[in-house]
Amino acid sequence: EIAVASLGYVLIPEPALHRPYDGVTALGTHTSP
């Protein structure tokens, strides 16, 4: 985590990413399992 942050990356926790996408793109055609 220190190495990632030291290079300016924003660490995103994996659980936040497994929620349904409800953003502005046409991502609906790409689905998870």
All heavy atoms as atom14 arrays in JSON, in Angstrom:
{
  "sequence": "EIAVASLGYVLIPEPALHRPYDGVTALGTHTSP",
  "atom14_mask": [
    [1, 1, 1, 1, 1, 1, 1, 1, 1, 0, 0, 0, 0, 0],
    [1, 1, 1, 1, 1, 1, 1, 1, 0, 0, 0, 0, 0, 0],
    [1, 1, 1, 1, 1, 0, 0, 0, 0, 0, 0, 0, 0, 0],
    [1, 1, 1, 1, 1, 1, 1, 0, 0, 0, 0, 0, 0, 0],
    [1, 1, 1, 1, 1, 0, 0, 0, 0, 0, 0, 0, 0, 0],
    [1, 1, 1, 1, 1, 1, 0, 0, 0, 0, 0, 0, 0, 0],
    [1, 1, 1, 1, 1, 1, 1, 1, 0, 0, 0, 0, 0, 0],
    [1, 1, 1, 1, 0, 0, 0, 0, 0, 0, 0, 0, 0, 0],
    [1, 1, 1, 1, 1, 1, 1, 1, 1, 1, 1, 1, 0, 0],
    [1, 1, 1, 1, 1, 1, 1, 0, 0, 0, 0, 0, 0, 0],
    [1, 1, 1, 1, 1, 1, 1, 1, 0, 0, 0, 0, 0, 0],
    [1, 1, 1, 1, 1, 1, 1, 1, 0, 0, 0, 0, 0, 0],
    [1, 1, 1, 1, 1, 1, 1, 0, 0, 0, 0, 0, 0, 0],
    [1, 1, 1, 1, 1, 1, 1, 1, 1, 0, 0, 0, 0, 0],
    [1, 1, 1, 1, 1, 1, 1, 0, 0, 0, 0, 0, 0, 0],
    [1, 1, 1, 1, 1, 0, 0, 0, 0, 0, 0, 0, 0, 0],
    [1, 1, 1, 1, 1, 1, 1, 1, 0, 0, 0, 0, 0, 0],
    [1, 1, 1, 1, 1, 1, 1, 1, 1, 1, 0, 0, 0, 0],
    [1, 1, 1, 1, 1, 1, 1, 1, 1, 1, 1, 0, 0, 0],
    [1, 1, 1, 1, 1, 1, 1, 0, 0, 0, 0, 0, 0, 0],
    [1, 1, 1, 1, 1, 1, 1, 1, 1, 1, 1, 1, 0, 0],
    [1, 1, 1, 1, 1, 1, 1, 1, 0, 0, 0, 0, 0, 0],
    [1, 1, 1, 1, 0, 0, 0, 0, 0, 0, 0, 0, 0, 0],
    [1, 1, 1, 1, 1, 1, 1, 0, 0, 0, 0, 0, 0, 0],
    [1, 1, 1, 1, 1, 1, 1, 0, 0, 0, 0, 0, 0, 0],
    [1, 1, 1, 1, 1, 0, 0, 0, 0, 0, 0, 0, 0, 0],
    [1, 1, 1, 1, 1, 1, 1, 1, 0, 0, 0, 0, 0, 0],
    [1, 1, 1, 1, 0, 0, 0, 0, 0, 0, 0, 0, 0, 0],
    [1, 1, 1, 1, 1, 1, 1, 0, 0, 0, 0, 0, 0, 0],
    [1, 1, 1, 1, 1, 1, 1, 1, 1, 1, 0, 0, 0, 0],
    [1, 1, 1, 1, 1, 1, 1, 0, 0, 0, 0, 0, 0, 0],
    [1, 1, 1, 1, 1, 1, 0, 0, 0, 0, 0, 0, 0, 0],
    [1, 1, 1, 1, 1, 1, 1, 0, 0, 0, 0, 0, 0, 0]
  ],
  "atom14_positions": [
    [[0.82, -1.21, 0.0], [0.0, 0.0, 0.0], [0.86, 1.27, 0.0], [0.54, 2.24, -0.69], [-0.96, -0.01, 1.19], [-2.06, -1.02, 1.03], [-3.0, -1.14, 2.21], [-2.62, -0.71, 3.34], [-4.11, -1.66, 2.03], [0.0, 0.0, 0.0], [0.0, 0.0, 0.0], [0.0, 0.0, 0.0], [0.0, 0.0, 0.0], [0.0, 0.0, 0.0]],
    [[1.96, 1.26, 0.73], [2.87, 2.41, 0.75], [3.51, 2.6, -0.62], [3.62, 3.72, -1.12], [3.92, 2.27, 1.87], [3.25, 2.45, 3.23], [5.07, 3.25, 1.68], [4.12, 2.04, 4.41], [0.0, 0.0, 0.0], [0.0, 0.0, 0.0], [0.0, 0.0, 0.0], [0.0, 0.0, 0.0], [0.0, 0.0, 0.0], [0.0, 0.0, 0.0]],
    [[3.95, 1.51, -1.24], [4.56, 1.59, -2.57], [3.58, 2.15, -3.6], [3.93, 3.03, -4.39], [5.08, 0.22, -3.01], [0.0, 0.0, 0.0], [0.0, 0.0, 0.0], [0.0, 0.0, 0.0], [0.0, 0.0, 0.0], [0.0, 0.0, 0.0], [0.0, 0.0, 0.0], [0.0, 0.0, 0.0], [0.0, 0.0, 0.0], [0.0, 0.0, 0.0]],
    [[2.36, 1.64, -3.56], [1.32, 2.1, -4.49], [1.06, 3.59, -4.3], [1.05, 4.37, -5.26], [0.04, 1.25, -4.3], [-1.16, 1.88, -4.99], [0.25, -0.17, -4.81], [0.0, 0.0, 0.0], [0.0, 0.0, 0.0], [0.0, 0.0, 0.0], [0.0, 0.0, 0.0], [0.0, 0.0, 0.0], [0.0, 0.0, 0.0], [0.0, 0.0, 0.0]],
    [[0.87, 4.01, -3.06], [0.59, 5.42, -2.77], [1.77, 6.32, -3.12], [1.59, 7.44, -3.61], [0.2, 5.58, -1.3], [0.0, 0.0, 0.0], [0.0, 0.0, 0.0], [0.0, 0.0, 0.0], [0.0, 0.0, 0.0], [0.0, 0.0, 0.0], [0.0, 0.0, 0.0], [0.0, 0.0, 0.0], [0.0, 0.0, 0.0], [0.0, 0.0, 0.0]],
    [[2.99, 5.83, -2.89], [4.18, 6.66, -3.15], [4.33, 7.01, -4.62], [4.97, 8.01, -4.96], [5.44, 5.96, -2.65], [5.81, 4.91, -3.52], [0.0, 0.0, 0.0], [0.0, 0.0, 0.0], [0.0, 0.0, 0.0], [0.0, 0.0, 0.0], [0.0, 0.0, 0.0], [0.0, 0.0, 0.0], [0.0, 0.0, 0.0], [0.0, 0.0, 0.0]],
    [[3.75, 6.21, -5.5], [3.81, 6.49, -6.93], [2.56, 7.23, -7.43], [2.36, 7.38, -8.63], [4.03, 5.2, -7.71], [5.46, 4.67, -7.54], [5.57, 3.23, -7.93], [6.42, 5.53, -8.34], [0.0, 0.0, 0.0], [0.0, 0.0, 0.0], [0.0, 0.0, 0.0], [0.0, 0.0, 0.0], [0.0, 0.0, 0.0], [0.0, 0.0, 0.0]],
    [[1.73, 7.68, -6.49], [0.59, 8.52, -6.85], [-0.67, 7.79, -7.26], [-1.61, 8.41, -7.75], [0.0, 0.0, 0.0], [0.0, 0.0, 0.0], [0.0, 0.0, 0.0], [0.0, 0.0, 0.0], [0.0, 0.0, 0.0], [0.0, 0.0, 0.0], [0.0, 0.0, 0.0], [0.0, 0.0, 0.0], [0.0, 0.0, 0.0], [0.0, 0.0, 0.0]],
    [[-0.72, 6.49, -7.06], [-1.94, 5.75, -7.37], [-2.97, 5.94, -6.26], [-2.62, 6.11, -5.09], [-1.65, 4.26, -7.53], [-0.82, 3.93, -8.74], [0.53, 3.61, -8.62], [-1.39, 3.92, -10.02], [1.29, 3.31, -9.73], [-0.62, 3.61, -11.13], [0.71, 3.31, -10.98], [1.47, 3.0, -12.08], [0.0, 0.0, 0.0], [0.0, 0.0, 0.0]],
    [[-4.23, 5.88, -6.63], [-5.34, 5.93, -5.68], [-5.79, 4.49, -5.44], [-6.26, 3.83, -6.37], [-6.5, 6.78, -6.22], [-7.68, 6.77, -5.27], [-6.03, 8.2, -6.53], [0.0, 0.0, 0.0], [0.0, 0.0, 0.0], [0.0, 0.0, 0.0], [0.0, 0.0, 0.0], [0.0, 0.0, 0.0], [0.0, 0.0, 0.0], [0.0, 0.0, 0.0]],
    [[-5.62, 4.02, -4.23], [-5.98, 2.64, -3.9], [-7.49, 2.52, -3.74], [-8.1, 3.22, -2.93], [-5.27, 2.21, -2.62], [-5.38, 0.75, -2.24], [-4.81, -0.14, -3.33], [-4.65, 0.51, -0.94], [0.0, 0.0, 0.0], [0.0, 0.0, 0.0], [0.0, 0.0, 0.0], [0.0, 0.0, 0.0], [0.0, 0.0, 0.0], [0.0, 0.0, 0.0]],
    [[-8.09, 1.65, -4.53], [-9.53, 1.42, -4.49], [-9.78, 0.06, -3.85], [-9.26, -0.96, -4.34], [-10.15, 1.45, -5.91], [-9.8, 2.75, -6.65], [-11.66, 1.22, -5.84], [-10.39, 4.0, -6.09], [0.0, 0.0, 0.0], [0.0, 0.0, 0.0], [0.0, 0.0, 0.0], [0.0, 0.0, 0.0], [0.0, 0.0, 0.0], [0.0, 0.0, 0.0]],
    [[-10.56, 0.0, -2.77], [-10.86, -1.31, -2.16], [-11.72, -2.16, -3.1], [-12.69, -1.68, -3.68], [-11.63, -0.95, -0.89], [-11.63, 0.53, -0.78], [-11.17, 1.1, -2.07], [0.0, 0.0, 0.0], [0.0, 0.0, 0.0], [0.0, 0.0, 0.0], [0.0, 0.0, 0.0], [0.0, 0.0, 0.0], [0.0, 0.0, 0.0], [0.0, 0.0, 0.0]],
    [[-11.36, -3.41, -3.22], [-12.04, -4.29, -4.16], [-13.56, -4.37, -3.94], [-14.31, -4.37, -4.92], [-11.41, -5.69, -4.11], [-11.69, -6.5, -5.33], [-10.88, -7.78, -5.4], [-9.86, -7.93, -4.7], [-11.3, -8.66, -6.18], [0.0, 0.0, 0.0], [0.0, 0.0, 0.0], [0.0, 0.0, 0.0], [0.0, 0.0, 0.0], [0.0, 0.0, 0.0]],
    [[-14.07, -4.42, -2.7], [-15.53, -4.51, -2.53], [-16.3, -3.36, -3.18], [-17.41, -3.57, -3.68], [-15.73, -4.52, -1.02], [-14.45, -5.03, -0.47], [-13.38, -4.51, -1.41], [0.0, 0.0, 0.0], [0.0, 0.0, 0.0], [0.0, 0.0, 0.0], [0.0, 0.0, 0.0], [0.0, 0.0, 0.0], [0.0, 0.0, 0.0], [0.0, 0.0, 0.0]],
    [[-15.73, -2.17, -3.2], [-16.41, -1.02, -3.82], [-16.61, -1.23, -5.31], [-17.52, -0.65, -5.91], [-15.6, 0.25, -3.58], [0.0, 0.0, 0.0], [0.0, 0.0, 0.0], [0.0, 0.0, 0.0], [0.0, 0.0, 0.0], [0.0, 0.0, 0.0], [0.0, 0.0, 0.0], [0.0, 0.0, 0.0], [0.0, 0.0, 0.0], [0.0, 0.0, 0.0]],
    [[-15.79, -2.08, -5.9], [-15.83, -2.29, -7.35], [-16.81, -3.38, -7.77], [-17.15, -3.49, -8.95], [-14.43, -2.64, -7.85], [-13.4, -1.54, -7.61], [-11.99, -2.09, -7.79], [-13.66, -0.37, -8.53], [0.0, 0.0, 0.0], [0.0, 0.0, 0.0], [0.0, 0.0, 0.0], [0.0, 0.0, 0.0], [0.0, 0.0, 0.0], [0.0, 0.0, 0.0]],
    [[-17.29, -4.17, -6.84], [-18.18, -5.28, -7.19], [-19.65, -4.92, -7.05], [-20.51, -5.79, -7.18], [-17.82, -6.52, -6.38], [-16.47, -7.05, -6.77], [-16.18, -7.51, -8.04], [-15.31, -7.13, -6.09], [-14.92, -7.86, -8.1], [-14.36, -7.64, -6.93], [0.0, 0.0, 0.0], [0.0, 0.0, 0.0], [0.0, 0.0, 0.0], [0.0, 0.0, 0.0]],
    [[-19.92, -3.66, -6.87], [-21.31, -3.19, -6.84], [-21.79, -2.95, -8.26], [-20.98, -2.69, -9.16], [-21.4, -1.9, -6.04], [-21.2, -2.18, -4.56], [-21.38, -0.94, -3.77], [-20.04, -0.61, -3.28], [-19.7, 0.52, -2.78], [-20.55, 1.5, -2.7], [-18.48, 0.72, -2.34], [0.0, 0.0, 0.0], [0.0, 0.0, 0.0], [0.0, 0.0, 0.0]],
    [[-23.09, -3.0, -8.46], [-23.62, -2.75, -9.81], [-23.2, -1.36, -10.31], [-23.23, -0.39, -9.57], [-25.14, -2.81, -9.62], [-25.33, -3.67, -8.41], [-24.15, -3.37, -7.52], [0.0, 0.0, 0.0], [0.0, 0.0, 0.0], [0.0, 0.0, 0.0], [0.0, 0.0, 0.0], [0.0, 0.0, 0.0], [0.0, 0.0, 0.0], [0.0, 0.0, 0.0]],
    [[-22.82, -1.33, -11.57], [-22.42, -0.07, -12.2], [-23.66, 0.71, -12.58], [-24.57, 0.19, -13.22], [-21.58, -0.38, -13.45], [-21.24, 0.86, -14.25], [-20.22, 1.7, -13.83], [-21.93, 1.18, -15.4], [-19.9, 2.85, -14.55], [-21.61, 2.31, -16.14], [-20.61, 3.14, -15.7], [-20.29, 4.27, -16.41], [0.0, 0.0, 0.0], [0.0, 0.0, 0.0]],
    [[-23.67, 1.98, -12.2], [-24.79, 2.85, -12.55], [-24.28, 4.21, -13.02], [-24.89, 5.25, -12.76], [-25.76, 3.0, -11.38], [-25.11, 3.56, -10.13], [-23.87, 3.76, -10.12], [-25.82, 3.83, -9.16], [0.0, 0.0, 0.0], [0.0, 0.0, 0.0], [0.0, 0.0, 0.0], [0.0, 0.0, 0.0], [0.0, 0.0, 0.0], [0.0, 0.0, 0.0]],
    [[-23.16, 4.18, -13.73], [-22.54, 5.41, -14.2], [-23.07, 5.87, -15.54], [-24.14, 5.45, -15.98], [0.0, 0.0, 0.0], [0.0, 0.0, 0.0], [0.0, 0.0, 0.0], [0.0, 0.0, 0.0], [0.0, 0.0, 0.0], [0.0, 0.0, 0.0], [0.0, 0.0, 0.0], [0.0, 0.0, 0.0], [0.0, 0.0, 0.0], [0.0, 0.0, 0.0]],
    [[-22.26, 6.7, -16.23], [-22.74, 7.39, -17.43], [-22.41, 6.68, -18.74], [-22.9, 7.08, -19.79], [-22.17, 8.84, -17.49], [-22.62, 9.63, -16.28], [-20.67, 8.85, -17.63], [0.0, 0.0, 0.0], [0.0, 0.0, 0.0], [0.0, 0.0, 0.0], [0.0, 0.0, 0.0], [0.0, 0.0, 0.0], [0.0, 0.0, 0.0], [0.0, 0.0, 0.0]],
    [[-21.57, 5.65, -18.73], [-21.2, 4.99, -19.99], [-22.23, 3.93, -20.39], [-23.12, 3.59, -19.63], [-19.83, 4.3, -19.88], [-19.95, 3.16, -19.05], [-18.76, 5.25, -19.35], [0.0, 0.0, 0.0], [0.0, 0.0, 0.0], [0.0, 0.0, 0.0], [0.0, 0.0, 0.0], [0.0, 0.0, 0.0], [0.0, 0.0, 0.0], [0.0, 0.0, 0.0]],
    [[-22.02, 3.39, -21.58], [-22.88, 2.32, -22.09], [-22.33, 0.96, -21.67], [-22.27, 0.02, -22.46], [-22.97, 2.41, -23.6], [0.0, 0.0, 0.0], [0.0, 0.0, 0.0], [0.0, 0.0, 0.0], [0.0, 0.0, 0.0], [0.0, 0.0, 0.0], [0.0, 0.0, 0.0], [0.0, 0.0, 0.0], [0.0, 0.0, 0.0], [0.0, 0.0, 0.0]],
    [[-21.93, 0.84, -20.44], [-21.29, -0.38, -19.95], [-22.27, -1.55, -19.82], [-21.84, -2.68, -19.68], [-20.62, -0.11, -18.6], [-19.66, -1.17, -18.08], [-18.51, -1.37, -19.04], [-19.14, -0.77, -16.72], [0.0, 0.0, 0.0], [0.0, 0.0, 0.0], [0.0, 0.0, 0.0], [0.0, 0.0, 0.0], [0.0, 0.0, 0.0], [0.0, 0.0, 0.0]],
    [[-23.53, -1.3, -19.93], [-24.53, -2.35, -19.76], [-24.34, -3.56, -20.64], [-24.8, -4.65, -20.32], [0.0, 0.0, 0.0], [0.0, 0.0, 0.0], [0.0, 0.0, 0.0], [0.0, 0.0, 0.0], [0.0, 0.0, 0.0], [0.0, 0.0, 0.0], [0.0, 0.0, 0.0], [0.0, 0.0, 0.0], [0.0, 0.0, 0.0], [0.0, 0.0, 0.0]],
    [[-23.64, -3.41, -21.76], [-23.41, -4.55, -22.65], [-22.29, -5.45, -22.15], [-22.1, -6.54, -22.66], [-23.07, -4.07, -24.07], [-21.89, -3.26, -24.01], [-24.22, -3.28, -24.67], [0.0, 0.0, 0.0], [0.0, 0.0, 0.0], [0.0, 0.0, 0.0], [0.0, 0.0, 0.0], [0.0, 0.0, 0.0], [0.0, 0.0, 0.0], [0.0, 0.0, 0.0]],
    [[-21.52, -4.99, -21.16], [-20.41, -5.76, -20.58], [-20.83, -6.2, -19.19], [-21.08, -5.38, -18.33], [-19.14, -4.91, -20.49], [-18.75, -4.32, -21.8], [-18.06, -5.03, -22.75], [-18.97, -3.11, -22.35], [-17.86, -4.28, -23.81], [-18.41, -3.1, -23.59], [0.0, 0.0, 0.0], [0.0, 0.0, 0.0], [0.0, 0.0, 0.0], [0.0, 0.0, 0.0]],
    [[-20.91, -7.49, -18.98], [-21.44, -7.96, -17.71], [-20.46, -8.86, -16.98], [-19.58, -9.46, -17.57], [-22.76, -8.72, -17.91], [-22.53, -9.83, -18.76], [-23.84, -7.82, -18.5], [0.0, 0.0, 0.0], [0.0, 0.0, 0.0], [0.0, 0.0, 0.0], [0.0, 0.0, 0.0], [0.0, 0.0, 0.0], [0.0, 0.0, 0.0], [0.0, 0.0, 0.0]],
    [[-20.67, -8.95, -15.68], [-19.9, -9.84, -14.82], [-20.47, -11.25, -14.94], [-21.52, -11.45, -15.56], [-20.0, -9.36, -13.38], [-21.3, -9.61, -12.88], [0.0, 0.0, 0.0], [0.0, 0.0, 0.0], [0.0, 0.0, 0.0], [0.0, 0.0, 0.0], [0.0, 0.0, 0.0], [0.0, 0.0, 0.0], [0.0, 0.0, 0.0], [0.0, 0.0, 0.0]],
    [[-19.81, -12.24, -14.32], [-20.38, -13.6, -14.33], [-21.78, -13.66, -13.73], [-22.55, -14.55, -14.03], [-19.38, -14.4, -13.49], [-18.09, -13.67, -13.65], [-18.47, -12.21, -13.74], [0.0, 0.0, 0.0], [0.0, 0.0, 0.0], [0.0, 0.0, 0.0], [0.0, 0.0, 0.0], [0.0, 0.0, 0.0], [0.0, 0.0, 0.0], [0.0, 0.0, 0.0]]
  ]
}
